[in-house]
């Protein structure tokens, strides 16, 4: 299969449509001072994102039995700790990736 100009334009359009809703909120609130209640709420975003992305991977469904995925759970504990304490998405991601890399290297 060869790559054609319409295919490249389609990929660029998809990238733009995916990128646009992620950037617009930052552009809109760049020059606005948000109320304290909104800023406090935004500090919990890393924990919410972590929970939404990770909770599903903590369990294994083996027929009618649900078990823990111990490797993922072992990486989740320090990552959750960092997310709750620092409320920093970048630190949370770094700790999660590093802990999973260390666990996969040894197990």
Protein backbone atom coordinates (compact mmCIF):
# COMPACT_ATOMS: atom_id res chain seq x y z
CA UNK A 1 0.00 0.00 0.00
CA UNK A 2 1.41 3.36 -0.99
CA UNK A 3 0.90 6.58 0.89
CA UNK A 4 -1.06 9.08 -1.15
CA UNK A 5 -1.54 12.81 -0.71
CA UNK A 6 -5.20 12.42 0.39
CA UNK A 7 -4.09 9.87 3.00
CA UNK A 8 -1.47 12.27 4.37
CA UNK A 9 -4.03 15.10 4.43
CA UNK A 10 -6.45 12.83 6.27
CA UNK A 11 -3.82 11.97 8.89
CA UNK A 12 -2.94 15.65 9.34
CA UNK A 13 -6.63 16.51 9.67
CA UNK A 14 -7.12 13.81 12.29
CA UNK A 15 -4.07 15.05 14.20
CA UNK A 16 -5.38 18.62 14.10
CA UNK A 17 -8.86 17.62 15.26
CA UNK A 18 -7.33 15.62 18.13
CA UNK A 19 -4.93 18.41 19.07
CA UNK A 20 -7.43 21.28 18.89
CA UNK A 21 -9.69 20.41 21.87
CA UNK A 22 -6.62 19.87 24.01
CA UNK A 23 -5.16 23.29 23.25
CA UNK A 24 -8.28 25.50 23.17
CA UNK A 25 -8.85 25.41 26.97
CA UNK A 26 -5.28 26.59 27.58
CA UNK A 27 -5.69 29.43 25.10
CA UNK A 28 -9.01 30.50 26.65
CA UNK A 29 -7.81 30.58 30.27
CA UNK A 30 -4.32 31.94 29.63
CA UNK A 31 -5.26 35.55 30.43
CA UNK A 32 -8.07 34.82 32.89
CA UNK A 33 -7.58 34.50 36.64
CA UNK A 34 -9.56 31.49 37.80
CA UNK A 35 -11.40 31.47 41.14
CA UNK A 36 -9.82 29.62 44.06
CA UNK A 37 -12.46 26.91 44.04
CA UNK A 38 -11.65 26.07 40.40
CA UNK A 39 -7.91 26.02 41.09
CA UNK A 40 -8.42 23.67 44.05
CA UNK A 41 -10.56 21.40 41.89
CA UNK A 42 -7.94 21.36 39.11
CA UNK A 43 -5.29 20.14 41.56
CA UNK A 44 -7.11 16.79 41.71
CA UNK A 45 -6.93 16.21 37.95
CA UNK A 46 -3.75 14.05 38.12
CA UNK A 47 -5.39 11.71 40.65
CA UNK A 48 -8.55 11.48 38.53
CA UNK A 49 -6.62 10.79 35.34
CA UNK A 50 -4.50 8.18 37.11
CA UNK A 51 -7.59 6.47 38.47
CA UNK A 52 -9.41 6.44 35.15
CA UNK A 53 -6.45 5.06 33.23
CA UNK A 54 -5.17 2.56 35.74
CA UNK A 55 -8.05 1.03 37.71
CA UNK A 56 -9.07 -1.19 34.81
CA UNK A 57 -5.58 -2.67 34.54
CA UNK A 58 -5.45 -3.62 38.22
CA UNK A 59 -7.83 -6.54 37.77
CA UNK A 60 -7.80 -9.73 35.70
CA UNK A 61 -11.02 -11.46 34.76
CA UNK A 62 -10.44 -15.21 34.61
CA UNK A 63 -13.84 -16.61 33.81
CA UNK A 64 -16.14 -15.79 36.71
CA UNK A 65 -13.23 -14.99 39.03
CA UNK A 66 -11.67 -11.54 39.29
CA UNK A 67 -8.10 -11.38 40.56
CA UNK A 68 -5.51 -8.65 41.05
CA UNK A 69 -2.74 -8.08 38.57
CA UNK A 70 -0.02 -7.91 41.22
CA UNK A 71 2.60 -6.34 38.97
CA UNK A 72 0.31 -3.44 38.06
CA UNK A 73 -0.89 -3.10 41.65
CA UNK A 74 2.73 -2.94 42.85
CA UNK A 75 3.46 -0.07 40.45
CA UNK A 76 0.16 1.63 41.26
CA UNK A 77 0.83 2.06 44.99
CA UNK A 78 3.87 4.40 44.75
CA UNK A 79 2.33 6.17 41.77
CA UNK A 80 -0.88 6.88 43.68
CA UNK A 81 1.14 8.08 46.66
CA UNK A 82 3.04 10.57 44.48
CA UNK A 83 -0.18 11.70 42.76
CA UNK A 84 -1.94 12.41 46.05
CA UNK A 85 1.03 14.10 47.72
CA UNK A 86 2.35 16.22 44.83
CA UNK A 87 -0.78 16.62 42.66
CA UNK A 88 1.63 16.90 39.74
CA UNK A 89 0.76 15.04 36.57
CA UNK A 90 4.35 14.97 35.31
CA UNK A 91 5.76 13.58 38.57
CA UNK A 92 2.94 11.04 38.72
CA UNK A 93 3.66 9.82 35.20
CA UNK A 94 7.41 9.63 35.79
CA UNK A 95 6.99 7.62 39.00
CA UNK A 96 4.49 5.30 37.32
CA UNK A 97 6.72 4.63 34.32
CA UNK A 98 9.86 4.17 36.41
CA UNK A 99 8.18 1.85 38.92
CA UNK A 100 6.67 -0.29 36.17
CA UNK A 101 10.01 -0.42 34.35
CA UNK A 102 11.81 -1.55 37.51
CA UNK A 103 9.16 -4.17 38.29
CA UNK A 104 9.19 -5.54 34.74
CA UNK A 105 12.99 -5.71 34.77
CA UNK A 106 13.07 -7.79 37.94
CA UNK A 107 9.87 -9.83 37.47
